[in-house]
N, C-alpha and C. Protein backbone atom coordinates (compact mmCIF):
# COMPACT_ATOMS: atom_id res chain seq x y z
N MET A 1 -161.52 -36.21 122.68
CA MET A 1 -160.28 -36.68 123.27
C MET A 1 -159.10 -36.35 122.37
N VAL A 2 -159.31 -36.36 121.06
CA VAL A 2 -158.24 -36.06 120.12
C VAL A 2 -157.83 -34.59 120.24
N ILE A 3 -158.82 -33.71 120.42
CA ILE A 3 -158.52 -32.28 120.55
C ILE A 3 -157.68 -32.01 121.80
N HIS A 4 -157.90 -32.79 122.86
CA HIS A 4 -157.12 -32.65 124.08
C HIS A 4 -155.66 -32.94 123.81
N LYS A 5 -155.38 -34.00 123.05
CA LYS A 5 -153.99 -34.34 122.73
C LYS A 5 -153.35 -33.28 121.84
N VAL A 6 -154.11 -32.74 120.88
CA VAL A 6 -153.58 -31.70 120.01
C VAL A 6 -153.19 -30.47 120.83
N PHE A 7 -154.07 -30.05 121.73
CA PHE A 7 -153.77 -28.88 122.56
C PHE A 7 -152.61 -29.16 123.51
N LYS A 8 -152.53 -30.38 124.00
CA LYS A 8 -151.43 -30.73 124.90
C LYS A 8 -150.09 -30.64 124.18
N TYR A 9 -150.02 -31.18 122.97
CA TYR A 9 -148.77 -31.12 122.21
C TYR A 9 -148.47 -29.71 121.71
N LEU A 10 -149.50 -28.92 121.40
CA LEU A 10 -149.30 -27.53 121.02
C LEU A 10 -148.74 -26.73 122.19
N ALA A 11 -149.28 -26.97 123.38
CA ALA A 11 -148.78 -26.29 124.56
C ALA A 11 -147.33 -26.70 124.85
N LEU A 12 -147.02 -27.97 124.67
CA LEU A 12 -145.65 -28.44 124.88
C LEU A 12 -144.70 -27.79 123.87
N LEU A 13 -145.12 -27.69 122.62
CA LEU A 13 -144.30 -27.05 121.59
C LEU A 13 -144.05 -25.57 121.92
N LEU A 14 -145.10 -24.86 122.33
CA LEU A 14 -144.94 -23.46 122.69
C LEU A 14 -144.03 -23.29 123.91
N CYS A 15 -144.11 -24.21 124.85
CA CYS A 15 -143.22 -24.15 126.03
C CYS A 15 -141.77 -24.37 125.63
N VAL A 16 -141.52 -25.29 124.72
CA VAL A 16 -140.14 -25.54 124.27
C VAL A 16 -139.60 -24.33 123.52
N ILE A 17 -140.42 -23.71 122.66
CA ILE A 17 -139.99 -22.51 121.95
C ILE A 17 -139.70 -21.38 122.93
N ALA A 18 -140.58 -21.18 123.90
CA ALA A 18 -140.37 -20.13 124.89
C ALA A 18 -139.12 -20.40 125.72
N ALA A 19 -138.89 -21.66 126.08
CA ALA A 19 -137.69 -22.00 126.84
C ALA A 19 -136.44 -21.70 126.03
N GLY A 20 -136.46 -21.97 124.73
CA GLY A 20 -135.32 -21.66 123.87
C GLY A 20 -135.04 -20.17 123.83
N PHE A 21 -136.07 -19.35 123.63
CA PHE A 21 -135.88 -17.90 123.64
C PHE A 21 -135.40 -17.42 125.00
N PHE A 22 -135.93 -18.00 126.07
CA PHE A 22 -135.53 -17.61 127.42
C PHE A 22 -134.05 -17.93 127.65
N LEU A 23 -133.62 -19.12 127.29
CA LEU A 23 -132.22 -19.49 127.47
C LEU A 23 -131.30 -18.62 126.62
N TYR A 24 -131.73 -18.29 125.40
CA TYR A 24 -130.92 -17.42 124.55
C TYR A 24 -130.81 -16.02 125.17
N THR A 25 -131.89 -15.52 125.72
CA THR A 25 -131.86 -14.20 126.35
C THR A 25 -130.94 -14.20 127.56
N ILE A 26 -130.98 -15.28 128.35
CA ILE A 26 -130.09 -15.37 129.51
C ILE A 26 -128.64 -15.46 129.06
N SER A 27 -128.37 -16.19 127.97
CA SER A 27 -126.98 -16.33 127.52
C SER A 27 -126.42 -15.01 126.99
N VAL A 28 -127.26 -14.17 126.39
CA VAL A 28 -126.80 -12.87 125.91
C VAL A 28 -126.51 -11.95 127.09
N GLY A 29 -127.37 -11.96 128.09
CA GLY A 29 -127.16 -11.16 129.29
C GLY A 29 -127.91 -9.84 129.25
N ASP A 30 -128.20 -9.34 130.44
CA ASP A 30 -128.92 -8.09 130.58
C ASP A 30 -128.10 -6.88 130.14
N GLU A 31 -126.81 -6.92 130.42
CA GLU A 31 -125.98 -5.76 130.12
C GLU A 31 -125.96 -5.47 128.63
N ALA A 32 -125.87 -6.50 127.79
CA ALA A 32 -125.83 -6.29 126.35
C ALA A 32 -127.13 -5.69 125.84
N ILE A 33 -128.24 -6.17 126.37
CA ILE A 33 -129.54 -5.66 125.93
C ILE A 33 -129.72 -4.23 126.41
N GLN A 34 -129.35 -3.94 127.66
CA GLN A 34 -129.50 -2.58 128.19
C GLN A 34 -128.58 -1.60 127.49
N SER A 35 -127.34 -2.00 127.21
CA SER A 35 -126.41 -1.08 126.54
C SER A 35 -126.86 -0.82 125.11
N GLU A 36 -127.44 -1.82 124.46
CA GLU A 36 -127.95 -1.61 123.11
C GLU A 36 -129.16 -0.67 123.13
N ALA A 37 -130.00 -0.77 124.15
CA ALA A 37 -131.16 0.10 124.24
C ALA A 37 -130.73 1.54 124.52
N ALA A 38 -129.63 1.72 125.25
CA ALA A 38 -129.16 3.07 125.56
C ALA A 38 -128.49 3.72 124.36
N ASP A 39 -127.94 2.93 123.43
CA ASP A 39 -127.26 3.46 122.25
C ASP A 39 -128.31 3.83 121.20
N LEU A 40 -128.48 5.12 120.97
CA LEU A 40 -129.52 5.58 120.04
C LEU A 40 -129.14 5.35 118.59
N THR A 41 -127.84 5.14 118.28
CA THR A 41 -127.44 4.93 116.89
C THR A 41 -127.56 3.47 116.47
N ASN A 42 -127.77 2.58 117.43
CA ASN A 42 -127.86 1.15 117.13
C ASN A 42 -129.22 0.82 116.54
N THR A 43 -129.27 -0.17 115.68
CA THR A 43 -130.53 -0.55 115.04
C THR A 43 -131.38 -1.49 115.89
N GLY A 44 -130.84 -2.00 116.97
CA GLY A 44 -131.62 -2.87 117.86
C GLY A 44 -131.66 -4.31 117.42
N ALA A 45 -130.61 -4.79 116.77
CA ALA A 45 -130.60 -6.16 116.27
C ALA A 45 -130.65 -7.18 117.39
N LEU A 46 -129.95 -6.90 118.49
CA LEU A 46 -129.94 -7.85 119.60
C LEU A 46 -131.32 -7.93 120.26
N GLN A 47 -131.95 -6.79 120.45
CA GLN A 47 -133.29 -6.82 121.04
C GLN A 47 -134.28 -7.48 120.09
N ASN A 48 -134.12 -7.23 118.79
CA ASN A 48 -135.02 -7.88 117.83
C ASN A 48 -134.82 -9.39 117.82
N ALA A 49 -133.62 -9.85 118.13
CA ALA A 49 -133.35 -11.28 118.12
C ALA A 49 -133.73 -11.96 119.42
N THR A 50 -133.79 -11.20 120.51
CA THR A 50 -134.07 -11.83 121.80
C THR A 50 -135.46 -11.51 122.34
N LEU A 51 -135.78 -10.23 122.40
CA LEU A 51 -137.02 -9.85 123.07
C LEU A 51 -138.24 -9.87 122.15
N ALA A 52 -138.08 -9.45 120.91
CA ALA A 52 -139.23 -9.41 120.00
C ALA A 52 -139.86 -10.78 119.78
N PRO A 53 -139.08 -11.85 119.54
CA PRO A 53 -139.74 -13.16 119.38
C PRO A 53 -140.48 -13.61 120.63
N MET A 54 -139.95 -13.28 121.80
CA MET A 54 -140.65 -13.66 123.03
C MET A 54 -141.96 -12.89 123.17
N MET A 55 -141.94 -11.61 122.75
CA MET A 55 -143.18 -10.82 122.81
C MET A 55 -144.22 -11.38 121.84
N TYR A 56 -143.80 -11.72 120.61
CA TYR A 56 -144.74 -12.28 119.64
C TYR A 56 -145.26 -13.64 120.09
N LEU A 57 -144.41 -14.43 120.72
CA LEU A 57 -144.85 -15.71 121.26
C LEU A 57 -145.87 -15.50 122.37
N ALA A 58 -145.63 -14.51 123.22
CA ALA A 58 -146.58 -14.20 124.29
C ALA A 58 -147.91 -13.73 123.71
N TYR A 59 -147.85 -12.90 122.65
CA TYR A 59 -149.08 -12.46 121.99
C TYR A 59 -149.83 -13.65 121.41
N ALA A 60 -149.12 -14.56 120.79
CA ALA A 60 -149.77 -15.73 120.19
C ALA A 60 -150.41 -16.60 121.26
N ILE A 61 -149.71 -16.83 122.35
CA ILE A 61 -150.26 -17.64 123.43
C ILE A 61 -151.48 -16.96 124.04
N MET A 62 -151.41 -15.64 124.20
CA MET A 62 -152.55 -14.92 124.75
C MET A 62 -153.75 -15.01 123.81
N ALA A 63 -153.52 -14.86 122.51
CA ALA A 63 -154.62 -14.95 121.54
C ALA A 63 -155.23 -16.34 121.52
N ILE A 64 -154.39 -17.37 121.56
CA ILE A 64 -154.90 -18.75 121.59
C ILE A 64 -155.71 -18.98 122.86
N THR A 65 -155.19 -18.52 123.99
CA THR A 65 -155.89 -18.71 125.27
C THR A 65 -157.23 -18.00 125.29
N VAL A 66 -157.25 -16.74 124.88
CA VAL A 66 -158.50 -15.98 124.87
C VAL A 66 -159.49 -16.61 123.89
N GLY A 67 -159.01 -17.03 122.74
CA GLY A 67 -159.89 -17.68 121.77
C GLY A 67 -160.51 -18.95 122.31
N LEU A 68 -159.68 -19.79 122.94
CA LEU A 68 -160.21 -21.04 123.51
C LEU A 68 -161.19 -20.79 124.64
N VAL A 69 -160.87 -19.83 125.50
CA VAL A 69 -161.77 -19.51 126.61
C VAL A 69 -163.10 -19.02 126.07
N LEU A 70 -163.07 -18.10 125.10
CA LEU A 70 -164.32 -17.60 124.53
C LEU A 70 -165.11 -18.71 123.85
N PHE A 71 -164.42 -19.58 123.12
CA PHE A 71 -165.10 -20.68 122.44
C PHE A 71 -165.83 -21.58 123.44
N PHE A 72 -165.11 -22.02 124.48
CA PHE A 72 -165.72 -22.95 125.41
C PHE A 72 -166.77 -22.28 126.30
N VAL A 73 -166.58 -21.01 126.63
CA VAL A 73 -167.60 -20.31 127.41
C VAL A 73 -168.88 -20.15 126.59
N LEU A 74 -168.72 -19.72 125.34
CA LEU A 74 -169.91 -19.57 124.49
C LEU A 74 -170.57 -20.90 124.20
N LYS A 75 -169.75 -21.94 124.02
CA LYS A 75 -170.30 -23.28 123.80
C LYS A 75 -171.10 -23.73 125.03
N GLY A 76 -170.58 -23.46 126.23
CA GLY A 76 -171.28 -23.82 127.45
C GLY A 76 -172.55 -23.01 127.66
N ILE A 77 -172.51 -21.73 127.29
CA ILE A 77 -173.68 -20.88 127.47
C ILE A 77 -174.80 -21.31 126.53
N PHE A 78 -174.46 -21.56 125.26
CA PHE A 78 -175.49 -21.88 124.28
C PHE A 78 -175.90 -23.35 124.30
N SER A 79 -175.29 -24.14 125.18
CA SER A 79 -175.64 -25.56 125.23
C SER A 79 -176.97 -25.80 125.94
N SER A 80 -177.38 -24.88 126.78
CA SER A 80 -178.60 -25.07 127.55
C SER A 80 -179.36 -23.75 127.65
N PRO A 81 -180.66 -23.77 127.44
CA PRO A 81 -181.45 -22.54 127.56
C PRO A 81 -181.43 -21.97 128.98
N ALA A 82 -181.35 -22.84 129.98
CA ALA A 82 -181.33 -22.35 131.36
C ALA A 82 -180.05 -21.59 131.65
N VAL A 83 -178.93 -22.11 131.14
CA VAL A 83 -177.65 -21.43 131.35
C VAL A 83 -177.63 -20.10 130.60
N LEU A 84 -178.17 -20.08 129.38
CA LEU A 84 -178.25 -18.85 128.60
C LEU A 84 -179.12 -17.81 129.32
N LYS A 85 -180.22 -18.24 129.89
CA LYS A 85 -181.12 -17.33 130.61
C LYS A 85 -180.41 -16.73 131.83
N ARG A 86 -179.73 -17.57 132.61
CA ARG A 86 -179.00 -17.06 133.78
C ARG A 86 -177.90 -16.09 133.37
N SER A 87 -177.21 -16.38 132.28
CA SER A 87 -176.14 -15.51 131.80
C SER A 87 -176.69 -14.15 131.37
N LEU A 88 -177.79 -14.17 130.64
CA LEU A 88 -178.39 -12.91 130.20
C LEU A 88 -178.93 -12.10 131.37
N ILE A 89 -179.47 -12.77 132.38
CA ILE A 89 -179.93 -12.07 133.58
C ILE A 89 -178.74 -11.41 134.29
N SER A 90 -177.63 -12.12 134.39
CA SER A 90 -176.44 -11.57 135.05
C SER A 90 -175.90 -10.37 134.29
N VAL A 91 -175.84 -10.47 132.96
CA VAL A 91 -175.37 -9.34 132.15
C VAL A 91 -176.33 -8.16 132.30
N GLY A 92 -177.62 -8.43 132.31
CA GLY A 92 -178.61 -7.37 132.49
C GLY A 92 -178.47 -6.67 133.83
N ILE A 93 -178.22 -7.43 134.88
CA ILE A 93 -178.01 -6.83 136.20
C ILE A 93 -176.78 -5.94 136.20
N LEU A 94 -175.71 -6.40 135.56
CA LEU A 94 -174.49 -5.59 135.48
C LEU A 94 -174.73 -4.30 134.70
N VAL A 95 -175.49 -4.37 133.61
CA VAL A 95 -175.81 -3.17 132.83
C VAL A 95 -176.63 -2.20 133.66
N VAL A 96 -177.58 -2.71 134.44
CA VAL A 96 -178.39 -1.85 135.30
C VAL A 96 -177.51 -1.18 136.35
N ILE A 97 -176.58 -1.92 136.94
CA ILE A 97 -175.66 -1.34 137.94
C ILE A 97 -174.82 -0.24 137.29
N CYS A 98 -174.33 -0.48 136.08
CA CYS A 98 -173.54 0.54 135.37
C CYS A 98 -174.37 1.79 135.08
N LEU A 99 -175.61 1.60 134.67
CA LEU A 99 -176.47 2.75 134.39
C LEU A 99 -176.79 3.53 135.66
N ILE A 100 -177.04 2.82 136.76
CA ILE A 100 -177.29 3.50 138.04
C ILE A 100 -176.06 4.30 138.46
N ALA A 101 -174.89 3.72 138.31
CA ALA A 101 -173.66 4.43 138.68
C ALA A 101 -173.44 5.65 137.78
N TYR A 102 -173.71 5.51 136.49
CA TYR A 102 -173.46 6.61 135.56
C TYR A 102 -174.45 7.75 135.75
N PHE A 103 -175.74 7.42 135.78
CA PHE A 103 -176.75 8.47 135.85
C PHE A 103 -177.08 8.90 137.28
N GLY A 104 -176.85 8.03 138.26
CA GLY A 104 -177.24 8.35 139.62
C GLY A 104 -176.13 8.94 140.48
N PHE A 105 -174.90 8.47 140.30
CA PHE A 105 -173.84 8.87 141.22
C PHE A 105 -172.70 9.65 140.58
N ALA A 106 -172.40 9.38 139.34
CA ALA A 106 -171.21 9.97 138.71
C ALA A 106 -171.36 11.48 138.54
N ASP A 107 -170.26 12.18 138.76
CA ASP A 107 -170.22 13.63 138.67
C ASP A 107 -169.35 14.01 137.48
N ASP A 108 -169.70 15.08 136.81
CA ASP A 108 -168.90 15.50 135.66
C ASP A 108 -168.03 16.72 135.97
N SER A 109 -167.63 16.85 137.22
CA SER A 109 -166.79 17.96 137.64
C SER A 109 -165.38 17.81 137.07
N VAL A 110 -164.84 18.90 136.55
CA VAL A 110 -163.51 18.87 135.97
C VAL A 110 -162.55 19.83 136.66
N PHE A 111 -162.95 20.36 137.81
CA PHE A 111 -162.11 21.33 138.51
C PHE A 111 -161.48 20.72 139.74
N GLU A 112 -160.29 21.20 140.08
CA GLU A 112 -159.58 20.74 141.27
C GLU A 112 -160.40 21.09 142.50
N PRO A 113 -160.70 20.09 143.35
CA PRO A 113 -161.46 20.41 144.56
C PRO A 113 -160.60 21.19 145.55
N GLY A 114 -161.17 22.21 146.13
CA GLY A 114 -160.47 22.99 147.15
C GLY A 114 -159.50 24.01 146.61
N VAL A 115 -159.43 24.20 145.30
CA VAL A 115 -158.52 25.18 144.71
C VAL A 115 -159.35 26.36 144.23
N ALA A 116 -158.95 27.56 144.64
CA ALA A 116 -159.68 28.76 144.24
C ALA A 116 -159.41 29.07 142.77
N GLY A 117 -160.40 29.60 142.11
CA GLY A 117 -160.24 30.02 140.72
C GLY A 117 -160.62 28.97 139.70
N ASN A 118 -161.23 27.90 140.10
CA ASN A 118 -161.68 26.85 139.19
C ASN A 118 -160.57 26.40 138.23
N VAL A 119 -159.53 25.81 138.79
CA VAL A 119 -158.42 25.29 138.00
C VAL A 119 -158.80 23.89 137.51
N PRO A 120 -158.78 23.66 136.18
CA PRO A 120 -159.17 22.33 135.69
C PRO A 120 -158.13 21.28 136.02
N VAL A 121 -158.59 20.05 136.20
CA VAL A 121 -157.69 18.92 136.45
C VAL A 121 -156.96 18.62 135.14
N MET A 122 -155.63 18.47 135.23
CA MET A 122 -154.83 18.18 134.05
C MET A 122 -154.44 16.71 134.05
N LEU A 123 -154.55 16.06 132.89
CA LEU A 123 -154.16 14.68 132.74
C LEU A 123 -152.66 14.57 132.53
N ASP A 124 -152.13 13.35 132.55
CA ASP A 124 -150.70 13.14 132.39
C ASP A 124 -150.20 13.61 131.03
N GLU A 125 -151.03 13.56 130.03
CA GLU A 125 -150.63 13.99 128.69
C GLU A 125 -150.62 15.50 128.55
N GLY A 126 -151.00 16.24 129.58
CA GLY A 126 -151.03 17.69 129.54
C GLY A 126 -152.34 18.27 129.06
N GLU A 127 -153.33 17.42 128.82
CA GLU A 127 -154.64 17.88 128.38
C GLU A 127 -155.55 18.04 129.58
N PRO A 128 -156.49 18.96 129.51
CA PRO A 128 -157.43 19.09 130.63
C PRO A 128 -158.45 17.95 130.61
N LEU A 129 -158.92 17.60 131.78
CA LEU A 129 -159.94 16.57 131.93
C LEU A 129 -161.26 17.08 131.38
N THR A 130 -161.93 16.26 130.55
CA THR A 130 -163.23 16.67 130.01
C THR A 130 -164.35 16.16 130.93
N ALA A 131 -165.51 16.75 130.78
CA ALA A 131 -166.66 16.37 131.60
C ALA A 131 -167.07 14.93 131.34
N SER A 132 -167.03 14.48 130.08
CA SER A 132 -167.45 13.12 129.77
C SER A 132 -166.46 12.10 130.33
N THR A 133 -165.17 12.40 130.26
CA THR A 133 -164.17 11.50 130.83
C THR A 133 -164.32 11.44 132.35
N SER A 134 -164.56 12.58 132.97
CA SER A 134 -164.75 12.61 134.42
C SER A 134 -165.97 11.78 134.83
N LYS A 135 -167.04 11.89 134.05
CA LYS A 135 -168.25 11.13 134.37
C LYS A 135 -168.02 9.63 134.19
N LEU A 136 -167.30 9.22 133.13
CA LEU A 136 -167.01 7.80 132.91
C LEU A 136 -166.12 7.23 134.01
N VAL A 137 -165.12 8.00 134.42
CA VAL A 137 -164.24 7.53 135.50
C VAL A 137 -165.03 7.39 136.80
N GLY A 138 -165.85 8.39 137.10
CA GLY A 138 -166.67 8.32 138.30
C GLY A 138 -167.64 7.15 138.27
N ALA A 139 -168.26 6.93 137.11
CA ALA A 139 -169.19 5.80 136.98
C ALA A 139 -168.47 4.47 137.15
N SER A 140 -167.26 4.37 136.64
CA SER A 140 -166.48 3.14 136.80
C SER A 140 -166.16 2.88 138.27
N ILE A 141 -165.77 3.92 138.96
CA ILE A 141 -165.45 3.76 140.39
C ILE A 141 -166.70 3.38 141.18
N TYR A 142 -167.81 4.06 140.92
CA TYR A 142 -169.04 3.73 141.63
C TYR A 142 -169.55 2.33 141.27
N THR A 143 -169.37 1.92 140.02
CA THR A 143 -169.74 0.55 139.64
C THR A 143 -168.93 -0.46 140.44
N PHE A 144 -167.63 -0.20 140.56
CA PHE A 144 -166.79 -1.09 141.36
C PHE A 144 -167.27 -1.14 142.81
N TYR A 145 -167.58 0.01 143.38
CA TYR A 145 -168.07 0.03 144.77
C TYR A 145 -169.36 -0.75 144.93
N ILE A 146 -170.30 -0.57 144.02
CA ILE A 146 -171.59 -1.26 144.12
C ILE A 146 -171.39 -2.77 144.00
N VAL A 147 -170.60 -3.21 143.03
CA VAL A 147 -170.36 -4.64 142.85
C VAL A 147 -169.61 -5.22 144.06
N ALA A 148 -168.66 -4.47 144.61
CA ALA A 148 -167.93 -4.94 145.78
C ALA A 148 -168.85 -5.09 146.99
N VAL A 149 -169.72 -4.12 147.21
CA VAL A 149 -170.66 -4.20 148.34
C VAL A 149 -171.61 -5.38 148.14
N LEU A 150 -172.08 -5.60 146.91
CA LEU A 150 -172.96 -6.74 146.65
C LEU A 150 -172.24 -8.06 146.85
N ALA A 151 -170.97 -8.13 146.44
CA ALA A 151 -170.20 -9.38 146.62
C ALA A 151 -169.98 -9.67 148.10
N VAL A 152 -169.57 -8.67 148.86
CA VAL A 152 -169.35 -8.88 150.29
C VAL A 152 -170.68 -9.21 150.97
N GLY A 153 -171.74 -8.53 150.58
CA GLY A 153 -173.06 -8.81 151.15
C GLY A 153 -173.52 -10.23 150.86
N SER A 154 -173.27 -10.72 149.64
CA SER A 154 -173.68 -12.10 149.33
C SER A 154 -172.85 -13.11 150.10
N ILE A 155 -171.57 -12.82 150.32
CA ILE A 155 -170.74 -13.72 151.12
C ILE A 155 -171.23 -13.75 152.57
N LEU A 156 -171.54 -12.57 153.12
CA LEU A 156 -172.05 -12.52 154.49
C LEU A 156 -173.41 -13.21 154.58
N TRP A 157 -174.28 -12.99 153.60
CA TRP A 157 -175.61 -13.62 153.60
C TRP A 157 -175.49 -15.14 153.58
N THR A 158 -174.58 -15.65 152.75
CA THR A 158 -174.38 -17.09 152.68
C THR A 158 -173.87 -17.64 154.00
N GLY A 159 -172.90 -16.96 154.60
CA GLY A 159 -172.35 -17.41 155.88
C GLY A 159 -173.37 -17.39 157.00
N VAL A 160 -174.14 -16.31 157.09
CA VAL A 160 -175.14 -16.20 158.14
C VAL A 160 -176.24 -17.24 157.94
N SER A 161 -176.68 -17.43 156.70
CA SER A 161 -177.76 -18.41 156.47
C SER A 161 -177.29 -19.84 156.77
N LYS A 162 -176.04 -20.13 156.52
CA LYS A 162 -175.52 -21.47 156.86
C LYS A 162 -175.44 -21.65 158.37
N LEU A 163 -175.08 -20.57 159.09
CA LEU A 163 -175.02 -20.65 160.54
C LEU A 163 -176.43 -20.84 161.15
N LEU A 164 -177.41 -20.15 160.57
CA LEU A 164 -178.76 -20.23 161.11
C LEU A 164 -179.44 -21.56 160.78
N ASN A 165 -179.02 -22.22 159.71
CA ASN A 165 -179.64 -23.49 159.31
C ASN A 165 -179.05 -24.69 160.03
N ARG A 166 -178.06 -24.52 160.85
CA ARG A 166 -177.46 -25.65 161.58
C ARG A 166 -178.32 -26.14 162.67
């Protein structure tokens, strides 16, 4: 119960700090920040005083949130052998789906489809697409498709079984 109060007051403190930075940014105005960003000779003091602290505060809040979520999730998983077993089975199923997508469906083609002369696909950075990157992207897409089909199938299965059991 004490930890709940500590986190509540920490969250309140972070909200007050964020509100202060937000109000200061509003009082300075968008035009001042934009004109300073457009001026290449300026050192960026206004942006460092307004936007940088808000970014660091957001990073801190994100780190605290992720840390707390990981702590409580791991605490919940390791609290019971049955929960740990179900979690490991779920992770194993996801790994199997990823392996099926990578080795079974993913293609390592790096050429533009439908273009004569085997022109390689170019990335935004100006580099050509490699076979390994193409295979990883394809595996990711196929993994998403497989998981989406399984999710929709489980929703339909649950709905149909509830209708049939009435």
